[in-house]
Protein backbone atom coordinates (compact mmCIF):
# COMPACT_ATOMS: atom_id res chain seq x y z
CA UNK A 1 0.00 0.00 0.00
CA UNK A 2 1.54 3.26 -1.16
CA UNK A 3 1.25 6.54 0.74
CA UNK A 4 1.72 10.15 -0.33
CA UNK A 5 2.16 13.02 2.11
CA UNK A 6 -0.69 15.51 1.74
CA UNK A 7 -0.38 17.73 4.79
CA UNK A 8 0.26 18.27 8.48
CA UNK A 9 -1.99 18.65 11.51
CA UNK A 10 -2.31 22.34 12.40
CA UNK A 11 -4.64 22.07 15.42
CA UNK A 12 -6.76 19.55 17.35
CA UNK A 13 -10.05 20.25 19.11
CA UNK A 14 -10.27 17.50 21.73
CA UNK A 15 -13.82 18.36 22.87
CA UNK A 16 -15.23 17.58 19.40
CA UNK A 17 -12.44 15.29 18.14
CA UNK A 18 -11.72 17.42 15.07
CA UNK A 19 -8.33 17.95 13.49
CA UNK A 20 -7.39 20.88 11.28
CA UNK A 21 -5.01 19.90 8.49
CA UNK A 22 -2.92 22.25 6.38
CA UNK A 23 -2.87 20.61 2.94
CA UNK A 24 0.15 20.42 0.67
CA UNK A 25 -1.77 18.35 -1.93
CA UNK A 26 -5.39 17.61 -2.86
CA UNK A 27 -7.61 15.50 -0.61
CA UNK A 28 -11.29 14.65 -1.00
CA UNK A 29 -14.13 13.02 0.88
CA UNK A 30 -13.90 9.25 0.46
CA UNK A 31 -10.09 9.18 0.56
CA UNK A 32 -8.30 7.03 3.13
CA UNK A 33 -5.58 8.72 5.19
CA UNK A 34 -2.77 7.69 7.54
CA UNK A 35 -1.92 10.09 10.36
CA UNK A 36 1.50 9.55 11.89
CA UNK A 37 3.32 11.45 14.61
CA UNK A 38 5.05 10.98 17.96
CA UNK A 39 1.90 9.58 19.61
CA UNK A 40 -0.49 9.01 16.68
CA UNK A 41 -0.25 6.25 14.10
CA UNK A 42 -3.60 5.24 12.60
CA UNK A 43 -5.59 5.06 9.36
CA UNK A 44 -9.10 6.25 8.76
CA UNK A 45 -11.47 7.26 6.00
CA UNK A 46 -12.58 10.83 5.36
CA UNK A 47 -16.35 10.95 5.41
CA UNK A 48 -16.72 14.73 5.42
CA UNK A 49 -14.56 17.83 5.59
CA UNK A 50 -15.03 21.54 6.08
CA UNK A 51 -13.21 24.72 5.15
CA UNK A 52 -14.14 27.69 7.37
CA UNK A 53 -17.09 25.67 8.78
CA UNK A 54 -18.52 25.15 5.27
CA UNK A 55 -18.86 21.51 4.12
CA UNK A 56 -16.77 20.73 1.02
CA UNK A 57 -16.05 17.59 -1.00
CA UNK A 58 -12.42 18.41 -1.78
CA UNK A 59 -9.52 20.47 -0.48
CA UNK A 60 -6.47 21.58 -2.46
CA UNK A 61 -2.90 22.52 -1.59
CA UNK A 62 -2.87 25.53 0.71
CA UNK A 63 -6.32 24.87 2.20
CA UNK A 64 -6.85 24.44 5.93
CA UNK A 65 -9.47 21.69 6.27
CA UNK A 66 -11.24 20.31 9.33
CA UNK A 67 -12.08 16.62 9.63
CA UNK A 68 -13.43 14.37 12.37
CA UNK A 69 -10.60 12.15 13.62
CA UNK A 70 -10.90 8.78 15.33
CA UNK A 71 -7.95 9.34 17.69
CA UNK A 72 -6.14 12.25 19.29
CA UNK A 73 -3.68 14.01 16.97
CA UNK A 74 -1.04 16.65 17.65
CA UNK A 75 0.23 19.71 15.85
CA UNK A 76 2.92 18.68 13.37
CA UNK A 77 1.66 15.11 12.85
CA UNK A 78 2.04 14.12 9.19
CA UNK A 79 -0.98 13.21 7.09
CA UNK A 80 -0.61 10.75 4.21
CA UNK A 81 -3.13 9.72 1.56
CA UNK A 82 -3.26 5.96 1.08
CA UNK A 83 -3.30 5.17 -2.66
PDB file of N, CA and C in Angstrom:
ATOM      1  N   UNK A   1       0.848  -1.165   0.000  1.00  0.00           N
ATOM      2  CA  UNK A   1       0.000   0.000   0.000  1.00  0.00           C
ATOM      3  C   UNK A   1       0.901   1.237   0.000  1.00  0.00           C
ATOM      4  N   UNK A   2       0.701   2.072  -0.970  1.00  0.00           N
ATOM      5  CA  UNK A   2       1.539   3.256  -1.158  1.00  0.00           C
ATOM      6  C   UNK A   2       0.898   4.455  -0.459  1.00  0.00           C
ATOM      7  N   UNK A   3       1.740   5.349   0.064  1.00  0.00           N
ATOM      8  CA  UNK A   3       1.254   6.541   0.743  1.00  0.00           C
ATOM      9  C   UNK A   3       1.944   7.777   0.185  1.00  0.00           C
ATOM     10  N   UNK A   4       1.191   8.885   0.154  1.00  0.00           N
ATOM     11  CA  UNK A   4       1.716  10.151  -0.335  1.00  0.00           C
ATOM     12  C   UNK A   4       1.390  11.227   0.693  1.00  0.00           C
ATOM     13  N   UNK A   5       2.406  11.973   1.122  1.00  0.00           N
ATOM     14  CA  UNK A   5       2.163  13.020   2.115  1.00  0.00           C
ATOM     15  C   UNK A   5       1.298  14.113   1.503  1.00  0.00           C
ATOM     16  N   UNK A   6       0.233  14.493   2.236  1.00  0.00           N
ATOM     17  CA  UNK A   6      -0.695  15.506   1.735  1.00  0.00           C
ATOM     18  C   UNK A   6      -0.878  16.675   2.700  1.00  0.00           C
ATOM     19  N   UNK A   7      -0.231  16.611   3.877  1.00  0.00           N
ATOM     20  CA  UNK A   7      -0.382  17.735   4.787  1.00  0.00           C
ATOM     21  C   UNK A   7       0.103  17.425   6.192  1.00  0.00           C
ATOM     22  N   UNK A   8      -0.107  18.418   7.077  1.00  0.00           N
ATOM     23  CA  UNK A   8       0.256  18.270   8.484  1.00  0.00           C
ATOM     24  C   UNK A   8      -0.881  18.785   9.361  1.00  0.00           C
ATOM     25  N   UNK A   9      -0.969  18.220  10.549  1.00  0.00           N
ATOM     26  CA  UNK A   9      -1.987  18.655  11.507  1.00  0.00           C
ATOM     27  C   UNK A   9      -1.597  20.036  12.024  1.00  0.00           C
ATOM     28  N   UNK A  10      -2.537  20.964  11.955  1.00  0.00           N
ATOM     29  CA  UNK A  10      -2.309  22.336  12.405  1.00  0.00           C
ATOM     30  C   UNK A  10      -2.868  22.558  13.814  1.00  0.00           C
ATOM     31  N   UNK A  11      -3.989  21.889  14.124  1.00  0.00           N
ATOM     32  CA  UNK A  11      -4.644  22.073  15.420  1.00  0.00           C
ATOM     33  C   UNK A  11      -5.567  20.892  15.683  1.00  0.00           C
ATOM     34  N   UNK A  12      -5.836  20.625  16.965  1.00  0.00           N
ATOM     35  CA  UNK A  12      -6.762  19.550  17.347  1.00  0.00           C
ATOM     36  C   UNK A  12      -7.726  20.071  18.395  1.00  0.00           C
ATOM     37  N   UNK A  13      -9.006  19.879  18.157  1.00  0.00           N
ATOM     38  CA  UNK A  13     -10.049  20.249  19.108  1.00  0.00           C
ATOM     39  C   UNK A  13     -10.510  18.978  19.820  1.00  0.00           C
ATOM     40  N   UNK A  14     -10.004  18.759  21.028  1.00  0.00           N
ATOM     41  CA  UNK A  14     -10.269  17.504  21.733  1.00  0.00           C
ATOM     42  C   UNK A  14     -11.739  17.352  22.133  1.00  0.00           C
ATOM     43  N   UNK A  15     -12.425  18.461  22.435  1.00  0.00           N
ATOM     44  CA  UNK A  15     -13.818  18.359  22.873  1.00  0.00           C
ATOM     45  C   UNK A  15     -14.755  17.860  21.775  1.00  0.00           C
ATOM     46  N   UNK A  16     -14.388  18.056  20.503  1.00  0.00           N
ATOM     47  CA  UNK A  16     -15.234  17.576  19.401  1.00  0.00           C
ATOM     48  C   UNK A  16     -14.494  16.591  18.502  1.00  0.00           C
ATOM     49  N   UNK A  17     -13.267  16.254  18.878  1.00  0.00           N
ATOM     50  CA  UNK A  17     -12.436  15.291  18.137  1.00  0.00           C
ATOM     51  C   UNK A  17     -12.292  15.658  16.657  1.00  0.00           C
ATOM     52  N   UNK A  18     -11.905  16.906  16.427  1.00  0.00           N
ATOM     53  CA  UNK A  18     -11.725  17.422  15.072  1.00  0.00           C
ATOM     54  C   UNK A  18     -10.288  17.905  14.910  1.00  0.00           C
ATOM     55  N   UNK A  19      -9.680  17.500  13.808  1.00  0.00           N
ATOM     56  CA  UNK A  19      -8.333  17.952  13.487  1.00  0.00           C
ATOM     57  C   UNK A  19      -8.363  18.913  12.312  1.00  0.00           C
ATOM     58  N   UNK A  20      -7.558  19.954  12.399  1.00  0.00           N
ATOM     59  CA  UNK A  20      -7.387  20.878  11.280  1.00  0.00           C
ATOM     60  C   UNK A  20      -6.090  20.508  10.582  1.00  0.00           C
ATOM     61  N   UNK A  21      -6.156  20.346   9.282  1.00  0.00           N
ATOM     62  CA  UNK A  21      -5.010  19.895   8.493  1.00  0.00           C
ATOM     63  C   UNK A  21      -4.675  20.927   7.428  1.00  0.00           C
ATOM     64  N   UNK A  22      -3.417  21.344   7.416  1.00  0.00           N
ATOM     65  CA  UNK A  22      -2.916  22.252   6.376  1.00  0.00           C
ATOM     66  C   UNK A  22      -2.458  21.376   5.213  1.00  0.00           C
ATOM     67  N   UNK A  23      -3.142  21.481   4.087  1.00  0.00           N
ATOM     68  CA  UNK A  23      -2.868  20.606   2.944  1.00  0.00           C
ATOM     69  C   UNK A  23      -1.702  21.100   2.093  1.00  0.00           C
ATOM     70  N   UNK A  24      -0.905  20.139   1.635  1.00  0.00           N
ATOM     71  CA  UNK A  24       0.153  20.418   0.666  1.00  0.00           C
ATOM     72  C   UNK A  24      -0.177  19.767  -0.678  1.00  0.00           C
ATOM     73  N   UNK A  25      -1.299  19.024  -0.715  1.00  0.00           N
ATOM     74  CA  UNK A  25      -1.772  18.353  -1.926  1.00  0.00           C
ATOM     75  C   UNK A  25      -3.282  18.167  -1.790  1.00  0.00           C
ATOM     76  N   UNK A  26      -3.935  17.768  -2.864  1.00  0.00           N
ATOM     77  CA  UNK A  26      -5.391  17.611  -2.859  1.00  0.00           C
ATOM     78  C   UNK A  26      -5.833  16.411  -2.027  1.00  0.00           C
ATOM     79  N   UNK A  27      -6.994  16.558  -1.402  1.00  0.00           N
ATOM     80  CA  UNK A  27      -7.609  15.496  -0.607  1.00  0.00           C
ATOM     81  C   UNK A  27      -9.112  15.654  -0.749  1.00  0.00           C
ATOM     82  N   UNK A  28      -9.843  14.548  -0.830  1.00  0.00           N
ATOM     83  CA  UNK A  28     -11.293  14.647  -0.996  1.00  0.00           C
ATOM     84  C   UNK A  28     -12.014  13.659  -0.099  1.00  0.00           C
ATOM     85  N   UNK A  29     -13.290  13.921   0.110  1.00  0.00           N
ATOM     86  CA  UNK A  29     -14.128  13.019   0.882  1.00  0.00           C
ATOM     87  C   UNK A  29     -14.115  11.653   0.205  1.00  0.00           C
ATOM     88  N   UNK A  30     -13.987  10.614   0.994  1.00  0.00           N
ATOM     89  CA  UNK A  30     -13.901   9.254   0.458  1.00  0.00           C
ATOM     90  C   UNK A  30     -12.483   8.722   0.440  1.00  0.00           C
ATOM     91  N   UNK A  31     -11.491   9.613   0.511  1.00  0.00           N
ATOM     92  CA  UNK A  31     -10.089   9.176   0.561  1.00  0.00           C
ATOM     93  C   UNK A  31      -9.790   8.510   1.904  1.00  0.00           C
ATOM     94  N   UNK A  32      -8.781   7.669   1.901  1.00  0.00           N
ATOM     95  CA  UNK A  32      -8.298   7.030   3.126  1.00  0.00           C
ATOM     96  C   UNK A  32      -6.964   7.683   3.477  1.00  0.00           C
ATOM     97  N   UNK A  33      -6.807   8.052   4.765  1.00  0.00           N
ATOM     98  CA  UNK A  33      -5.585   8.720   5.189  1.00  0.00           C
ATOM     99  C   UNK A  33      -4.892   7.958   6.310  1.00  0.00           C
ATOM    100  N   UNK A  34      -3.604   8.235   6.465  1.00  0.00           N
ATOM    101  CA  UNK A  34      -2.775   7.690   7.543  1.00  0.00           C
ATOM    102  C   UNK A  34      -2.183   8.888   8.265  1.00  0.00           C
ATOM    103  N   UNK A  35      -2.466   9.004   9.556  1.00  0.00           N
ATOM    104  CA  UNK A  35      -1.917  10.088  10.362  1.00  0.00           C
ATOM    105  C   UNK A  35      -0.831   9.499  11.248  1.00  0.00           C
ATOM    106  N   UNK A  36       0.360  10.091  11.162  1.00  0.00           N
ATOM    107  CA  UNK A  36       1.498   9.547  11.888  1.00  0.00           C
ATOM    108  C   UNK A  36       2.271  10.677  12.564  1.00  0.00           C
ATOM    109  N   UNK A  37       2.564  10.474  13.837  1.00  0.00           N
ATOM    110  CA  UNK A  37       3.322  11.448  14.607  1.00  0.00           C
ATOM    111  C   UNK A  37       3.980  10.767  15.788  1.00  0.00           C
ATOM    112  N   UNK A  38       4.393  11.544  16.783  1.00  0.00           N
ATOM    113  CA  UNK A  38       5.047  10.982  17.963  1.00  0.00           C
ATOM    114  C   UNK A  38       4.122  10.030  18.719  1.00  0.00           C
ATOM    115  N   UNK A  39       2.849  10.406  18.860  1.00  0.00           N
ATOM    116  CA  UNK A  39       1.900   9.578  19.609  1.00  0.00           C
ATOM    117  C   UNK A  39       0.841   8.933  18.713  1.00  0.00           C
ATOM    118  N   UNK A  40       0.571   9.509  17.567  1.00  0.00           N
ATOM    119  CA  UNK A  40      -0.490   9.014  16.681  1.00  0.00           C
ATOM    120  C   UNK A  40       0.101   8.153  15.568  1.00  0.00           C
ATOM    121  N   UNK A  41      -0.614   7.086  15.243  1.00  0.00           N
ATOM    122  CA  UNK A  41      -0.252   6.246  14.097  1.00  0.00           C
ATOM    123  C   UNK A  41      -1.469   5.390  13.759  1.00  0.00           C
ATOM    124  N   UNK A  42      -2.364   5.953  12.931  1.00  0.00           N
ATOM    125  CA  UNK A  42      -3.600   5.237  12.596  1.00  0.00           C
ATOM    126  C   UNK A  42      -4.085   5.638  11.212  1.00  0.00           C
ATOM    127  N   UNK A  43      -4.959   4.792  10.661  1.00  0.00           N
ATOM    128  CA  UNK A  43      -5.587   5.059   9.365  1.00  0.00           C
ATOM    129  C   UNK A  43      -7.078   5.245   9.580  1.00  0.00           C
ATOM    130  N   UNK A  44      -7.659   6.057   8.720  1.00  0.00           N
ATOM    131  CA  UNK A  44      -9.104   6.251   8.760  1.00  0.00           C
ATOM    132  C   UNK A  44      -9.575   6.782   7.420  1.00  0.00           C
ATOM    133  N   UNK A  45     -10.857   6.676   7.183  1.00  0.00           N
ATOM    134  CA  UNK A  45     -11.466   7.257   5.998  1.00  0.00           C
ATOM    135  C   UNK A  45     -11.913   8.679   6.280  1.00  0.00           C
ATOM    136  N   UNK A  46     -12.036   9.474   5.228  1.00  0.00           N
ATOM    137  CA  UNK A  46     -12.582  10.826   5.362  1.00  0.00           C
ATOM    138  C   UNK A  46     -14.012  10.782   4.861  1.00  0.00           C
ATOM    139  N   UNK A  47     -14.941  11.012   5.775  1.00  0.00           N
ATOM    140  CA  UNK A  47     -16.350  10.952   5.410  1.00  0.00           C
ATOM    141  C   UNK A  47     -16.920  12.328   5.111  1.00  0.00           C
ATOM    142  N   UNK A  48     -16.318  13.357   5.708  1.00  0.00           N
ATOM    143  CA  UNK A  48     -16.723  14.732   5.423  1.00  0.00           C
ATOM    144  C   UNK A  48     -15.580  15.653   5.817  1.00  0.00           C
ATOM    145  N   UNK A  49     -15.578  16.829   5.238  1.00  0.00           N
ATOM    146  CA  UNK A  49     -14.565  17.831   5.589  1.00  0.00           C
ATOM    147  C   UNK A  49     -15.176  19.208   5.450  1.00  0.00           C
ATOM    148  N   UNK A  50     -14.550  20.165   6.130  1.00  0.00           N
ATOM    149  CA  UNK A  50     -15.027  21.538   6.083  1.00  0.00           C
ATOM    150  C   UNK A  50     -13.850  22.485   5.882  1.00  0.00           C
ATOM    151  N   UNK A  51     -14.150  23.604   5.250  1.00  0.00           N
ATOM    152  CA  UNK A  51     -13.214  24.724   5.147  1.00  0.00           C
ATOM    153  C   UNK A  51     -13.973  25.935   5.680  1.00  0.00           C
ATOM    154  N   UNK A  52     -13.461  26.552   6.721  1.00  0.00           N
ATOM    155  CA  UNK A  52     -14.137  27.692   7.372  1.00  0.00           C
ATOM    156  C   UNK A  52     -15.581  27.350   7.737  1.00  0.00           C
ATOM    157  N   UNK A  53     -15.789  26.167   8.303  1.00  0.00           N
ATOM    158  CA  UNK A  53     -17.094  25.672   8.776  1.00  0.00           C
ATOM    159  C   UNK A  53     -18.114  25.455   7.660  1.00  0.00           C
ATOM    160  N   UNK A  54     -17.641  25.416   6.415  1.00  0.00           N
ATOM    161  CA  UNK A  54     -18.522  25.151   5.271  1.00  0.00           C
ATOM    162  C   UNK A  54     -18.172  23.771   4.722  1.00  0.00           C
ATOM    163  N   UNK A  55     -19.146  22.845   4.652  1.00  0.00           N
ATOM    164  CA  UNK A  55     -18.855  21.508   4.121  1.00  0.00           C
ATOM    165  C   UNK A  55     -18.373  21.580   2.666  1.00  0.00           C
ATOM    166  N   UNK A  56     -17.315  20.815   2.373  1.00  0.00           N
ATOM    167  CA  UNK A  56     -16.770  20.733   1.016  1.00  0.00           C
ATOM    168  C   UNK A  56     -16.479  19.270   0.699  1.00  0.00           C
ATOM    169  N   UNK A  57     -16.361  18.957  -0.571  1.00  0.00           N
ATOM    170  CA  UNK A  57     -16.050  17.592  -1.000  1.00  0.00           C
ATOM    171  C   UNK A  57     -14.562  17.396  -1.246  1.00  0.00           C
ATOM    172  N   UNK A  58     -13.834  18.518  -1.424  1.00  0.00           N
ATOM    173  CA  UNK A  58     -12.423  18.409  -1.780  1.00  0.00           C
ATOM    174  C   UNK A  58     -11.661  19.631  -1.275  1.00  0.00           C
ATOM    175  N   UNK A  59     -10.418  19.379  -0.858  1.00  0.00           N
ATOM    176  CA  UNK A  59      -9.517  20.465  -0.482  1.00  0.00           C
ATOM    177  C   UNK A  59      -8.296  20.398  -1.380  1.00  0.00           C
ATOM    178  N   UNK A  60      -7.657  21.548  -1.602  1.00  0.00           N
ATOM    179  CA  UNK A  60      -6.474  21.583  -2.465  1.00  0.00           C
ATOM    180  C   UNK A  60      -5.288  22.115  -1.671  1.00  0.00           C
ATOM    181  N   UNK A  61      -4.116  22.034  -2.243  1.00  0.00           N
ATOM    182  CA  UNK A  61      -2.902  22.517  -1.591  1.00  0.00           C
ATOM    183  C   UNK A  61      -3.098  23.952  -1.114  1.00  0.00           C
ATOM    184  N   UNK A  62      -2.720  24.203   0.138  1.00  0.00           N
ATOM    185  CA  UNK A  62      -2.866  25.533   0.715  1.00  0.00           C
ATOM    186  C   UNK A  62      -4.107  25.692   1.574  1.00  0.00           C
ATOM    187  N   UNK A  63      -5.098  24.794   1.407  1.00  0.00           N
ATOM    188  CA  UNK A  63      -6.324  24.872   2.199  1.00  0.00           C
ATOM    189  C   UNK A  63      -6.083  24.372   3.616  1.00  0.00           C
ATOM    190  N   UNK A  64      -6.852  24.900   4.553  1.00  0.00           N
ATOM    191  CA  UNK A  64      -6.853  24.443   5.932  1.00  0.00           C
ATOM    192  C   UNK A  64      -8.202  23.772   6.148  1.00  0.00           C
ATOM    193  N   UNK A  65      -8.211  22.432   6.164  1.00  0.00           N
ATOM    194  CA  UNK A  65      -9.465  21.686   6.269  1.00  0.00           C
ATOM    195  C   UNK A  65      -9.648  21.167   7.694  1.00  0.00           C
ATOM    196  N   UNK A  66     -10.895  20.914   8.042  1.00  0.00           N
ATOM    197  CA  UNK A  66     -11.241  20.307   9.329  1.00  0.00           C
ATOM    198  C   UNK A  66     -11.911  18.968   9.052  1.00  0.00           C
ATOM    199  N   UNK A  67     -11.459  17.931   9.764  1.00  0.00           N
ATOM    200  CA  UNK A  67     -12.080  16.618   9.635  1.00  0.00           C
ATOM    201  C   UNK A  67     -12.247  16.000  11.017  1.00  0.00           C
ATOM    202  N   UNK A  68     -13.244  15.145  11.146  1.00  0.00           N
ATOM    203  CA  UNK A  68     -13.433  14.367  12.366  1.00  0.00           C
ATOM    204  C   UNK A  68     -12.363  13.289  12.379  1.00  0.00           C
ATOM    205  N   UNK A  69     -11.646  13.155  13.514  1.00  0.00           N
ATOM    206  CA  UNK A  69     -10.596  12.146  13.622  1.00  0.00           C
ATOM    207  C   UNK A  69     -10.978  11.114  14.679  1.00  0.00           C
ATOM    208  N   UNK A  70     -10.537   9.881  14.454  1.00  0.00           N
ATOM    209  CA  UNK A  70     -10.898   8.776  15.327  1.00  0.00           C
ATOM    210  C   UNK A  70     -10.031   8.689  16.576  1.00  0.00           C
ATOM    211  N   UNK A  71      -8.855   9.341  16.548  1.00  0.00           N
ATOM    212  CA  UNK A  71      -7.953   9.344  17.693  1.00  0.00           C
ATOM    213  C   UNK A  71      -7.378  10.744  17.865  1.00  0.00           C
ATOM    214  N   UNK A  72      -6.761  10.959  19.016  1.00  0.00           N
ATOM    215  CA  UNK A  72      -6.136  12.247  19.289  1.00  0.00           C
ATOM    216  C   UNK A  72      -4.935  12.453  18.367  1.00  0.00           C
ATOM    217  N   UNK A  73      -4.823  13.653  17.826  1.00  0.00           N
ATOM    218  CA  UNK A  73      -3.685  14.013  16.974  1.00  0.00           C
ATOM    219  C   UNK A  73      -3.015  15.245  17.570  1.00  0.00           C
ATOM    220  N   UNK A  74      -1.803  15.523  17.116  1.00  0.00           N
ATOM    221  CA  UNK A  74      -1.040  16.648  17.648  1.00  0.00           C
ATOM    222  C   UNK A  74      -0.528  17.524  16.510  1.00  0.00           C
ATOM    223  N   UNK A  75      -0.313  18.787  16.835  1.00  0.00           N
ATOM    224  CA  UNK A  75       0.235  19.713  15.854  1.00  0.00           C
ATOM    225  C   UNK A  75       1.555  19.160  15.322  1.00  0.00           C
ATOM    226  N   UNK A  76       1.707  19.164  14.007  1.00  0.00           N
ATOM    227  CA  UNK A  76       2.925  18.679  13.371  1.00  0.00           C
ATOM    228  C   UNK A  76       2.847  17.242  12.905  1.00  0.00           C
ATOM    229  N   UNK A  77       1.819  16.483  13.345  1.00  0.00           N
ATOM    230  CA  UNK A  77       1.656  15.112  12.846  1.00  0.00           C
ATOM    231  C   UNK A  77       1.504  15.149  11.335  1.00  0.00           C
ATOM    232  N   UNK A  78       2.108  14.187  10.651  1.00  0.00           N
ATOM    233  CA  UNK A  78       2.043  14.120   9.190  1.00  0.00           C
ATOM    234  C   UNK A  78       0.781  13.375   8.755  1.00  0.00           C
ATOM    235  N   UNK A  79       0.217  13.831   7.641  1.00  0.00           N
ATOM    236  CA  UNK A  79      -0.985  13.206   7.085  1.00  0.00           C
ATOM    237  C   UNK A  79      -0.639  12.691   5.691  1.00  0.00           C
ATOM    238  N   UNK A  80      -0.902  11.414   5.485  1.00  0.00           N
ATOM    239  CA  UNK A  80      -0.606  10.751   4.209  1.00  0.00           C
ATOM    240  C   UNK A  80      -1.892  10.232   3.601  1.00  0.00           C
ATOM    241  N   UNK A  81      -2.015  10.344   2.266  1.00  0.00           N
ATOM    242  CA  UNK A  81      -3.130   9.724   1.555  1.00  0.00           C
ATOM    243  C   UNK A  81      -2.703   8.328   1.152  1.00  0.00           C
ATOM    244  N   UNK A  82      -3.535   7.343   1.452  1.00  0.00           N
ATOM    245  CA  UNK A  82      -3.264   5.960   1.080  1.00  0.00           C
ATOM    246  C   UNK A  82      -3.806   5.754  -0.331  1.00  0.00           C
ATOM    247  N   UNK A  83      -2.897   5.356  -1.245  1.00  0.00           N
ATOM    248  CA  UNK A  83      -3.301   5.167  -2.659  1.00  0.00           C
ATOM    249  C   UNK A  83      -3.191   3.720  -3.069  1.00  0.00           C
TER     250      UNK A  83
END
